[in-house]
């Protein structure tokens, strides 16, 4: 039948035509699934790249903050206090010299088990209070990376990168190193 009009009923497809249609439909489904899988892989890859970029930016920010914290030096005031934490005159506390020598702040030599024969003075770092008052707040540990000075203006130690807070053992008179700021015994 070469010509059909609106009233003609279509014939049933042959077995070969049905198989060809089924194979074409299967190919279309497989191509659609492959295209979907490729799109999904592309989205996953893009997502991973974005996550990686976010992590990279986060790590760089963390390093920048760490570097800025490491390089930040703060100004801390050190008050000379006695063993009852009462603020006393700065001249009572011994300031370590830059030549890595030890100052005891007292007169004579006293073994540790006997004591130094008098009151013990040390610095309170970051606390507050005036002479005769009990120091409030602060610590007895020298803050790292800090410029430590007394209320009278005497500099005890200077912080920053490359400055150690201990002595190196070598005694060169012209070397400038940080001082420990610890009190005498």
N, C-alpha and C. Protein backbone atom coordinates (compact mmCIF):
# COMPACT_ATOMS: atom_id res chain seq x y z
N UNK A 1 0.81 -1.16 0.00
CA UNK A 1 0.00 0.00 0.00
C UNK A 1 0.87 1.25 0.00
N UNK A 2 0.77 1.95 -1.06
CA UNK A 2 1.60 3.12 -1.20
C UNK A 2 0.91 4.37 -0.71
N UNK A 3 -0.34 4.48 -0.86
CA UNK A 3 -1.04 5.69 -0.46
C UNK A 3 -2.04 5.36 0.61
N UNK A 4 -2.11 6.24 1.62
CA UNK A 4 -3.07 6.05 2.71
C UNK A 4 -3.84 7.35 2.89
N UNK A 5 -5.05 7.20 3.31
CA UNK A 5 -5.82 8.38 3.68
C UNK A 5 -6.13 8.32 5.16
N UNK A 6 -6.96 9.23 5.67
CA UNK A 6 -7.23 9.31 7.10
C UNK A 6 -8.00 8.10 7.62
N UNK A 7 -8.66 7.42 6.80
CA UNK A 7 -9.48 6.30 7.24
C UNK A 7 -8.73 4.98 7.24
N UNK A 8 -7.52 4.94 6.71
CA UNK A 8 -6.74 3.71 6.64
C UNK A 8 -6.19 3.37 8.02
N UNK A 9 -6.33 2.13 8.41
CA UNK A 9 -5.82 1.64 9.69
C UNK A 9 -4.37 1.20 9.47
N UNK A 10 -3.42 1.65 10.35
CA UNK A 10 -2.03 1.24 10.16
C UNK A 10 -1.86 -0.24 10.43
N UNK A 11 -0.94 -0.84 9.71
CA UNK A 11 -0.71 -2.26 9.89
C UNK A 11 0.19 -2.49 11.08
N UNK A 12 0.20 -3.67 11.59
CA UNK A 12 1.06 -4.07 12.71
C UNK A 12 2.50 -4.11 12.21
N UNK A 13 3.47 -3.62 13.03
CA UNK A 13 4.87 -3.70 12.60
C UNK A 13 5.34 -5.16 12.57
N UNK A 14 6.25 -5.38 11.70
CA UNK A 14 6.80 -6.74 11.61
C UNK A 14 7.75 -6.98 12.78
N UNK A 15 8.15 -8.20 12.95
CA UNK A 15 9.07 -8.56 14.02
C UNK A 15 10.39 -7.82 13.88
N UNK A 16 10.91 -7.69 12.68
CA UNK A 16 12.17 -6.99 12.44
C UNK A 16 12.04 -5.51 12.78
N UNK A 17 10.88 -4.92 12.39
CA UNK A 17 10.67 -3.50 12.70
C UNK A 17 10.58 -3.27 14.22
N UNK A 18 9.91 -4.16 14.92
CA UNK A 18 9.81 -4.02 16.38
C UNK A 18 11.19 -4.14 17.03
N UNK A 19 11.97 -5.10 16.59
CA UNK A 19 13.32 -5.24 17.16
C UNK A 19 14.17 -4.01 16.86
N UNK A 20 14.09 -3.48 15.66
CA UNK A 20 14.85 -2.28 15.29
C UNK A 20 14.43 -1.10 16.16
N UNK A 21 13.13 -0.95 16.39
CA UNK A 21 12.65 0.14 17.25
C UNK A 21 13.14 -0.06 18.69
N UNK A 22 13.09 -1.29 19.19
CA UNK A 22 13.54 -1.56 20.55
C UNK A 22 15.04 -1.27 20.69
N UNK A 23 15.83 -1.68 19.68
CA UNK A 23 17.27 -1.42 19.72
C UNK A 23 17.54 0.08 19.67
N UNK A 24 16.80 0.82 18.85
CA UNK A 24 16.98 2.27 18.77
C UNK A 24 16.63 2.93 20.10
N UNK A 25 15.54 2.48 20.72
CA UNK A 25 15.15 3.04 22.02
C UNK A 25 16.21 2.71 23.07
N UNK A 26 16.74 1.47 23.05
CA UNK A 26 17.78 1.09 24.01
C UNK A 26 19.03 1.93 23.81
N UNK A 27 19.44 2.17 22.53
CA UNK A 27 20.60 3.01 22.24
C UNK A 27 20.39 4.43 22.76
N UNK A 28 19.19 4.96 22.58
CA UNK A 28 18.90 6.31 23.07
C UNK A 28 19.00 6.37 24.59
N UNK A 29 18.46 5.35 25.28
CA UNK A 29 18.55 5.31 26.74
C UNK A 29 20.01 5.22 27.19
N UNK A 30 20.80 4.37 26.51
CA UNK A 30 22.21 4.22 26.88
C UNK A 30 22.98 5.51 26.64
N UNK A 31 22.71 6.18 25.51
CA UNK A 31 23.37 7.45 25.22
C UNK A 31 22.97 8.51 26.25
N UNK A 32 21.68 8.53 26.62
CA UNK A 32 21.22 9.49 27.63
C UNK A 32 21.88 9.20 28.98
N UNK A 33 21.99 7.91 29.33
CA UNK A 33 22.63 7.55 30.59
C UNK A 33 24.11 7.91 30.57
N UNK A 34 24.77 7.68 29.44
CA UNK A 34 26.19 8.02 29.32
C UNK A 34 26.37 9.54 29.40
N UNK A 35 25.50 10.28 28.76
CA UNK A 35 25.57 11.74 28.80
C UNK A 35 25.33 12.24 30.23
N UNK A 36 24.35 11.62 30.92
CA UNK A 36 24.07 12.00 32.32
C UNK A 36 25.28 11.68 33.21
N UNK A 37 25.89 10.52 32.99
CA UNK A 37 27.06 10.14 33.77
C UNK A 37 28.23 11.10 33.52
N UNK A 38 28.42 11.50 32.26
CA UNK A 38 29.49 12.45 31.93
C UNK A 38 29.21 13.81 32.59
N UNK A 39 27.94 14.25 32.55
CA UNK A 39 27.58 15.52 33.20
C UNK A 39 27.80 15.44 34.70
N UNK A 40 27.41 14.31 35.28
CA UNK A 40 27.57 14.12 36.73
C UNK A 40 29.05 14.10 37.10
N UNK A 41 29.87 13.44 36.30
CA UNK A 41 31.32 13.41 36.55
C UNK A 41 31.90 14.81 36.43
N UNK A 42 31.43 15.56 35.45
CA UNK A 42 31.91 16.93 35.27
C UNK A 42 31.52 17.79 36.48
N UNK A 43 30.27 17.64 36.96
CA UNK A 43 29.82 18.38 38.14
C UNK A 43 30.64 18.00 39.36
N UNK A 44 30.90 16.70 39.53
CA UNK A 44 31.68 16.23 40.66
C UNK A 44 33.09 16.79 40.61
N UNK A 45 33.69 16.78 39.41
CA UNK A 45 35.04 17.30 39.25
C UNK A 45 35.07 18.79 39.56
N UNK A 46 34.10 19.54 39.04
CA UNK A 46 34.01 20.97 39.30
C UNK A 46 33.85 21.23 40.80
N UNK A 47 33.00 20.42 41.43
CA UNK A 47 32.77 20.57 42.86
C UNK A 47 34.05 20.31 43.65
N UNK A 48 34.78 19.26 43.27
CA UNK A 48 36.04 18.94 43.95
C UNK A 48 37.06 20.05 43.75
N UNK A 49 37.09 20.62 42.56
CA UNK A 49 38.03 21.73 42.29
C UNK A 49 37.66 22.92 43.17
N UNK A 50 36.38 23.21 43.27
CA UNK A 50 35.94 24.33 44.10
C UNK A 50 36.25 24.08 45.58
N UNK A 51 36.03 22.85 46.03
CA UNK A 51 36.35 22.52 47.42
C UNK A 51 37.85 22.64 47.65
N UNK A 52 38.64 22.13 46.71
CA UNK A 52 40.09 22.24 46.82
C UNK A 52 40.56 23.68 46.85
N UNK A 53 39.94 24.51 46.01
CA UNK A 53 40.30 25.93 46.00
C UNK A 53 39.91 26.58 47.32
N UNK A 54 38.76 26.20 47.86
CA UNK A 54 38.34 26.73 49.15
C UNK A 54 39.27 26.31 50.27
N UNK A 55 39.69 25.06 50.24
CA UNK A 55 40.63 24.57 51.25
C UNK A 55 41.95 25.30 51.12
N UNK A 56 42.41 25.50 49.89
CA UNK A 56 43.67 26.21 49.67
C UNK A 56 43.59 27.63 50.22
N UNK A 57 42.50 28.31 49.92
CA UNK A 57 42.33 29.68 50.42
C UNK A 57 42.28 29.67 51.95
N UNK A 58 41.60 28.68 52.53
CA UNK A 58 41.54 28.57 53.99
C UNK A 58 42.90 28.33 54.61
N UNK A 59 43.69 27.46 54.01
CA UNK A 59 45.03 27.17 54.54
C UNK A 59 45.91 28.41 54.43
N UNK A 60 45.83 29.10 53.31
CA UNK A 60 46.63 30.32 53.14
C UNK A 60 46.20 31.37 54.17
N UNK A 61 44.90 31.50 54.41
CA UNK A 61 44.43 32.45 55.42
C UNK A 61 44.92 32.05 56.81
N UNK A 62 44.88 30.75 57.10
CA UNK A 62 45.35 30.27 58.40
C UNK A 62 46.84 30.55 58.58
N UNK A 63 47.62 30.33 57.54
CA UNK A 63 49.05 30.61 57.60
C UNK A 63 49.28 32.11 57.79
N UNK A 64 48.51 32.94 57.09
CA UNK A 64 48.67 34.39 57.23
C UNK A 64 48.33 34.84 58.64
N UNK A 65 47.28 34.30 59.21
CA UNK A 65 46.91 34.67 60.59
C UNK A 65 47.99 34.20 61.55
N UNK A 66 48.48 32.96 61.36
CA UNK A 66 49.55 32.45 62.22
C UNK A 66 50.80 33.29 62.12
N UNK A 67 51.15 33.71 60.92
CA UNK A 67 52.34 34.53 60.72
C UNK A 67 52.15 35.89 61.39
N UNK A 68 50.97 36.45 61.25
CA UNK A 68 50.72 37.75 61.86
C UNK A 68 50.73 37.66 63.38
N UNK A 69 50.20 36.56 63.92
CA UNK A 69 50.24 36.37 65.37
C UNK A 69 51.68 36.17 65.84
N UNK A 70 52.45 35.40 65.07
CA UNK A 70 53.84 35.14 65.44
C UNK A 70 54.68 36.40 65.39
N UNK A 71 54.35 37.31 64.48
CA UNK A 71 55.13 38.53 64.35
C UNK A 71 54.62 39.66 65.22
N UNK A 72 53.47 39.50 65.81
CA UNK A 72 52.93 40.59 66.60
C UNK A 72 53.67 40.66 67.93
N UNK A 73 54.12 41.84 68.26
CA UNK A 73 54.73 42.05 69.56
C UNK A 73 53.83 42.99 70.33
N UNK A 74 53.62 42.67 71.55
CA UNK A 74 52.77 43.51 72.37
C UNK A 74 53.63 44.17 73.44
N UNK A 75 53.16 45.27 73.94
CA UNK A 75 53.85 45.96 75.01
C UNK A 75 53.25 45.51 76.34
N UNK A 76 54.10 45.00 77.23
CA UNK A 76 53.65 44.49 78.52
C UNK A 76 54.43 45.23 79.60
N UNK A 77 53.71 45.61 80.65
CA UNK A 77 54.38 46.26 81.77
C UNK A 77 54.69 45.21 82.84
N UNK A 78 55.89 45.33 83.39
CA UNK A 78 56.32 44.42 84.45
C UNK A 78 56.44 45.23 85.73
N UNK A 79 55.79 44.77 86.77
CA UNK A 79 55.85 45.44 88.07
C UNK A 79 56.65 44.55 89.02
N UNK A 80 57.55 45.17 89.76
CA UNK A 80 58.34 44.44 90.73
C UNK A 80 57.46 44.20 91.95
N UNK A 81 57.33 42.93 92.37
CA UNK A 81 56.49 42.57 93.51
C UNK A 81 57.30 41.72 94.48
N UNK A 82 56.84 41.73 95.74
CA UNK A 82 57.51 40.88 96.73
C UNK A 82 56.81 39.53 96.79
N UNK A 83 57.16 38.71 97.77
CA UNK A 83 56.60 37.36 97.84
C UNK A 83 55.12 37.35 98.20
N UNK A 84 54.58 38.49 98.66
CA UNK A 84 53.14 38.61 98.94
C UNK A 84 52.40 39.27 97.78
N UNK A 85 53.08 39.46 96.68
CA UNK A 85 52.52 40.05 95.46
C UNK A 85 52.16 41.52 95.65
N UNK A 86 52.86 42.21 96.57
CA UNK A 86 52.68 43.65 96.78
C UNK A 86 53.69 44.37 95.89
N UNK A 87 53.22 45.37 95.14
CA UNK A 87 54.08 46.11 94.22
C UNK A 87 55.08 46.93 95.03
N UNK A 88 56.37 46.81 94.66
CA UNK A 88 57.44 47.56 95.32
C UNK A 88 58.22 48.32 94.26
N UNK A 89 59.19 49.11 94.69
CA UNK A 89 59.99 49.91 93.78
C UNK A 89 60.78 49.01 92.82
N UNK A 90 60.95 49.47 91.57
CA UNK A 90 61.64 48.68 90.55
C UNK A 90 63.08 48.36 90.91
N UNK A 91 63.70 49.18 91.75
CA UNK A 91 65.11 48.95 92.08
C UNK A 91 65.31 47.67 92.89
N UNK A 92 64.24 47.13 93.48
CA UNK A 92 64.36 45.89 94.25
C UNK A 92 64.54 44.66 93.36
N UNK A 93 64.03 44.71 92.15
CA UNK A 93 64.16 43.58 91.22
C UNK A 93 65.44 43.74 90.42
N UNK A 94 66.16 42.65 90.27
CA UNK A 94 67.39 42.66 89.48
C UNK A 94 67.03 42.52 88.02
N UNK A 95 67.62 43.38 87.20
CA UNK A 95 67.41 43.29 85.76
C UNK A 95 68.58 42.56 85.15
N UNK A 96 68.36 41.46 84.47
CA UNK A 96 69.47 40.74 83.85
C UNK A 96 70.16 41.60 82.81
N UNK A 97 71.48 41.51 82.77
CA UNK A 97 72.26 42.29 81.80
C UNK A 97 72.29 41.58 80.47
N UNK A 98 72.63 42.33 79.43
CA UNK A 98 72.68 41.77 78.08
C UNK A 98 73.88 40.86 77.89
N UNK A 99 74.84 40.88 78.83
CA UNK A 99 76.05 40.08 78.65
C UNK A 99 75.91 38.69 79.25
N UNK A 100 74.69 38.24 79.51
CA UNK A 100 74.41 36.90 80.01
C UNK A 100 75.05 36.63 81.37
N UNK A 101 75.21 37.66 82.20
CA UNK A 101 75.72 37.44 83.54
C UNK A 101 74.54 37.36 84.49
N UNK A 102 74.76 36.74 85.64
CA UNK A 102 73.68 36.53 86.58
C UNK A 102 73.78 37.55 87.70
N UNK A 103 72.66 38.20 88.00
CA UNK A 103 72.59 39.13 89.13
C UNK A 103 71.67 38.53 90.17
N UNK A 104 72.15 38.43 91.39
CA UNK A 104 71.31 37.81 92.41
C UNK A 104 70.39 38.81 93.08
N UNK A 105 70.74 40.10 93.05
CA UNK A 105 69.90 41.10 93.67
C UNK A 105 70.10 41.18 95.17
N UNK A 106 70.88 40.30 95.73
CA UNK A 106 71.13 40.31 97.17
C UNK A 106 72.61 40.46 97.45
N UNK A 107 72.96 40.43 98.71
CA UNK A 107 74.36 40.58 99.09
C UNK A 107 74.87 39.22 99.53
N UNK A 108 75.99 38.80 98.96
CA UNK A 108 76.60 37.56 99.37
C UNK A 108 75.99 36.35 98.70
N UNK A 109 76.57 35.19 99.07
CA UNK A 109 76.12 33.92 98.50
C UNK A 109 75.41 33.13 99.59
N UNK A 110 74.20 32.65 99.27
CA UNK A 110 73.46 31.83 100.21
C UNK A 110 73.02 30.58 99.49
N UNK A 111 73.28 29.43 100.06
CA UNK A 111 72.80 28.19 99.42
C UNK A 111 71.28 28.20 99.33
N UNK A 112 70.74 27.47 98.37
CA UNK A 112 69.31 27.44 98.12
C UNK A 112 68.54 26.93 99.33
N UNK A 113 69.09 25.95 100.03
CA UNK A 113 68.34 25.37 101.14
C UNK A 113 68.28 26.31 102.35
N UNK A 114 69.16 27.31 102.42
CA UNK A 114 69.12 28.27 103.54
C UNK A 114 68.22 29.46 103.17
N UNK A 115 68.18 29.84 101.93
CA UNK A 115 67.42 31.01 101.51
C UNK A 115 68.35 32.17 101.28
N UNK A 116 67.80 33.30 100.88
CA UNK A 116 68.65 34.44 100.55
C UNK A 116 68.72 35.43 101.69
N UNK A 117 68.12 35.15 102.81
CA UNK A 117 68.24 36.01 103.97
C UNK A 117 67.32 37.21 103.92
N UNK A 118 66.37 37.22 103.05
CA UNK A 118 65.46 38.37 102.99
C UNK A 118 64.28 38.07 102.11
N UNK A 119 63.58 39.13 101.74
CA UNK A 119 62.38 38.97 100.92
C UNK A 119 62.75 38.67 99.47
N UNK A 120 61.90 37.94 98.83
CA UNK A 120 62.10 37.58 97.42
C UNK A 120 61.34 38.56 96.55
N UNK A 121 61.99 39.13 95.57
CA UNK A 121 61.35 40.04 94.63
C UNK A 121 61.37 39.43 93.24
N UNK A 122 60.31 39.65 92.52
CA UNK A 122 60.24 39.17 91.14
C UNK A 122 59.30 40.07 90.37
N UNK A 123 59.24 39.87 89.07
CA UNK A 123 58.38 40.69 88.23
C UNK A 123 57.02 40.02 88.05
N UNK A 124 55.98 40.86 88.00
CA UNK A 124 54.63 40.45 87.64
C UNK A 124 54.38 41.07 86.27
N UNK A 125 54.20 40.23 85.24
CA UNK A 125 54.06 40.71 83.86
C UNK A 125 52.58 40.86 83.50
N UNK A 126 52.21 42.07 83.12
CA UNK A 126 50.85 42.32 82.65
C UNK A 126 49.85 42.64 83.73
N UNK A 127 50.24 42.62 84.99
CA UNK A 127 49.32 42.93 86.07
C UNK A 127 49.16 44.43 86.24
N UNK A 128 48.35 44.81 87.21
CA UNK A 128 48.15 46.23 87.47
C UNK A 128 48.27 46.47 88.97
N UNK A 129 48.56 47.72 89.32
CA UNK A 129 48.69 48.13 90.72
C UNK A 129 49.81 49.12 90.88
N UNK A 130 49.72 49.93 91.93
CA UNK A 130 50.74 50.92 92.24
C UNK A 130 51.57 50.44 93.42
N UNK A 131 52.65 51.15 93.71
CA UNK A 131 53.54 50.77 94.81
C UNK A 131 52.73 50.72 96.10
N UNK A 132 52.87 49.64 96.83
CA UNK A 132 52.16 49.43 98.08
C UNK A 132 50.86 48.66 97.92
N UNK A 133 50.36 48.53 96.71
CA UNK A 133 49.12 47.79 96.47
C UNK A 133 49.44 46.36 96.04
N UNK A 134 48.48 45.47 96.25
CA UNK A 134 48.64 44.10 95.79
C UNK A 134 48.40 44.09 94.28
N UNK A 135 49.32 43.47 93.53
CA UNK A 135 49.20 43.41 92.07
C UNK A 135 48.03 42.51 91.71
N UNK A 136 47.20 42.99 90.79
CA UNK A 136 46.07 42.17 90.36
C UNK A 136 46.30 41.74 88.92
N UNK A 137 46.02 40.48 88.66
CA UNK A 137 46.21 39.94 87.31
C UNK A 137 47.67 39.69 87.02
N UNK A 138 47.96 39.40 85.78
CA UNK A 138 49.32 39.20 85.34
C UNK A 138 49.83 37.79 85.62
N UNK A 139 51.09 37.59 85.31
CA UNK A 139 51.72 36.29 85.45
C UNK A 139 53.18 36.49 85.81
N UNK A 140 53.81 35.44 86.31
CA UNK A 140 55.24 35.51 86.62
C UNK A 140 56.08 34.99 85.47
N UNK A 141 55.43 34.51 84.42
CA UNK A 141 56.14 33.98 83.26
C UNK A 141 56.33 35.11 82.24
N UNK A 142 57.54 35.23 81.73
CA UNK A 142 57.83 36.27 80.75
C UNK A 142 57.04 35.99 79.47
N UNK A 143 56.22 36.93 79.00
CA UNK A 143 55.47 36.70 77.76
C UNK A 143 56.43 36.64 76.57
N UNK A 144 56.13 35.74 75.65
CA UNK A 144 56.95 35.63 74.44
C UNK A 144 56.54 36.70 73.44
N UNK A 145 57.48 37.13 72.63
CA UNK A 145 57.24 38.14 71.60
C UNK A 145 56.59 39.38 72.17
N UNK A 146 57.10 39.87 73.29
CA UNK A 146 56.54 41.07 73.90
C UNK A 146 57.68 42.01 74.28
N UNK A 147 57.39 43.29 74.17
CA UNK A 147 58.32 44.30 74.67
C UNK A 147 57.94 44.54 76.12
N UNK A 148 58.81 44.13 77.04
CA UNK A 148 58.51 44.23 78.46
C UNK A 148 59.27 45.41 79.03
N UNK A 149 58.54 46.29 79.72
CA UNK A 149 59.15 47.44 80.36
C UNK A 149 58.48 47.68 81.70
N UNK A 150 59.15 48.44 82.55
CA UNK A 150 58.60 48.75 83.87
C UNK A 150 57.82 50.06 83.78
N UNK A 151 56.98 50.37 84.77
CA UNK A 151 56.27 51.64 84.74
C UNK A 151 57.20 52.85 84.75
N UNK A 152 58.42 52.68 85.28
CA UNK A 152 59.38 53.78 85.28
C UNK A 152 60.05 53.96 83.93
N UNK A 153 59.82 53.04 82.98
CA UNK A 153 60.36 53.19 81.63
C UNK A 153 61.55 52.31 81.33
N UNK A 154 62.02 51.53 82.28
CA UNK A 154 63.17 50.65 82.05
C UNK A 154 62.72 49.45 81.22
N UNK A 155 63.46 49.17 80.12
CA UNK A 155 63.13 48.03 79.26
C UNK A 155 63.77 46.77 79.83
N UNK A 156 62.96 45.73 80.00
CA UNK A 156 63.46 44.48 80.54
C UNK A 156 63.82 43.52 79.42
N UNK A 157 62.92 43.32 78.47
CA UNK A 157 63.22 42.46 77.32
C UNK A 157 62.43 42.94 76.13
N UNK A 158 62.96 42.64 74.97
CA UNK A 158 62.29 42.98 73.72
C UNK A 158 61.98 41.70 72.98
N UNK A 159 60.75 41.59 72.52
CA UNK A 159 60.34 40.37 71.82
C UNK A 159 60.41 40.54 70.33
N UNK A 160 60.00 39.49 69.62
CA UNK A 160 59.99 39.51 68.17
C UNK A 160 60.62 38.26 67.63
N UNK A 161 60.57 38.10 66.31
CA UNK A 161 61.16 36.93 65.68
C UNK A 161 62.67 36.96 65.82
N UNK A 162 63.25 35.83 66.10
CA UNK A 162 64.69 35.72 66.16
C UNK A 162 65.27 36.09 67.50
N UNK A 163 64.47 36.52 68.44
CA UNK A 163 64.97 36.88 69.74
C UNK A 163 64.62 35.76 70.70
N UNK A 164 65.65 35.18 71.29
CA UNK A 164 65.37 34.10 72.23
C UNK A 164 65.25 34.67 73.62
N UNK A 165 64.55 33.98 74.47
CA UNK A 165 64.35 34.48 75.82
C UNK A 165 65.34 33.87 76.80
N UNK A 166 66.23 33.02 76.34
CA UNK A 166 67.21 32.39 77.22
C UNK A 166 68.60 32.77 76.80
N UNK A 167 69.58 32.33 77.59
CA UNK A 167 70.95 32.61 77.24
C UNK A 167 71.48 31.47 76.39
N UNK A 168 72.42 31.81 75.51
CA UNK A 168 72.93 30.80 74.60
C UNK A 168 74.16 30.10 75.14
N UNK A 169 74.71 30.60 76.21
CA UNK A 169 75.89 29.96 76.78
C UNK A 169 77.16 30.65 76.35
N UNK A 170 77.17 31.34 75.22
CA UNK A 170 78.37 32.05 74.80
C UNK A 170 78.32 33.43 75.41
N UNK A 171 79.47 33.94 75.80
CA UNK A 171 79.52 35.25 76.45
C UNK A 171 80.29 36.20 75.58
N UNK A 172 79.60 36.86 74.67
CA UNK A 172 80.23 37.88 73.86
C UNK A 172 79.63 39.20 74.30
N UNK A 173 80.47 40.12 74.70
CA UNK A 173 80.02 41.37 75.28
C UNK A 173 79.19 42.22 74.35
N UNK A 174 79.42 42.11 73.02
CA UNK A 174 78.73 42.99 72.10
C UNK A 174 77.46 42.38 71.54
N UNK A 175 77.12 41.17 71.90
CA UNK A 175 75.94 40.55 71.31
C UNK A 175 74.69 41.09 71.96
N UNK A 176 73.67 41.22 71.15
CA UNK A 176 72.39 41.69 71.67
C UNK A 176 71.40 40.55 71.58
N UNK A 177 71.02 40.00 72.69
CA UNK A 177 70.04 38.93 72.72
C UNK A 177 68.96 39.32 73.69
N UNK A 178 67.92 38.57 73.72
CA UNK A 178 66.83 38.84 74.65
C UNK A 178 67.27 38.43 76.04
N UNK A 179 66.65 38.98 77.03
CA UNK A 179 66.96 38.61 78.39
C UNK A 179 65.77 37.89 78.98
N UNK A 180 66.04 37.07 79.94
CA UNK A 180 64.97 36.24 80.46
C UNK A 180 64.02 37.03 81.34
N UNK A 181 64.44 38.11 81.93
CA UNK A 181 63.55 38.89 82.78
C UNK A 181 63.20 38.20 84.07
N UNK A 182 63.84 37.08 84.39
CA UNK A 182 63.53 36.39 85.63
C UNK A 182 64.17 37.10 86.79
N UNK A 183 63.61 36.95 87.93
CA UNK A 183 64.09 37.65 89.10
C UNK A 183 65.30 36.96 89.70
N UNK A 184 65.98 37.70 90.53
CA UNK A 184 67.11 37.12 91.21
C UNK A 184 66.65 36.32 92.42
N UNK A 185 67.54 35.48 92.95
CA UNK A 185 67.15 34.67 94.09
C UNK A 185 67.45 35.37 95.36
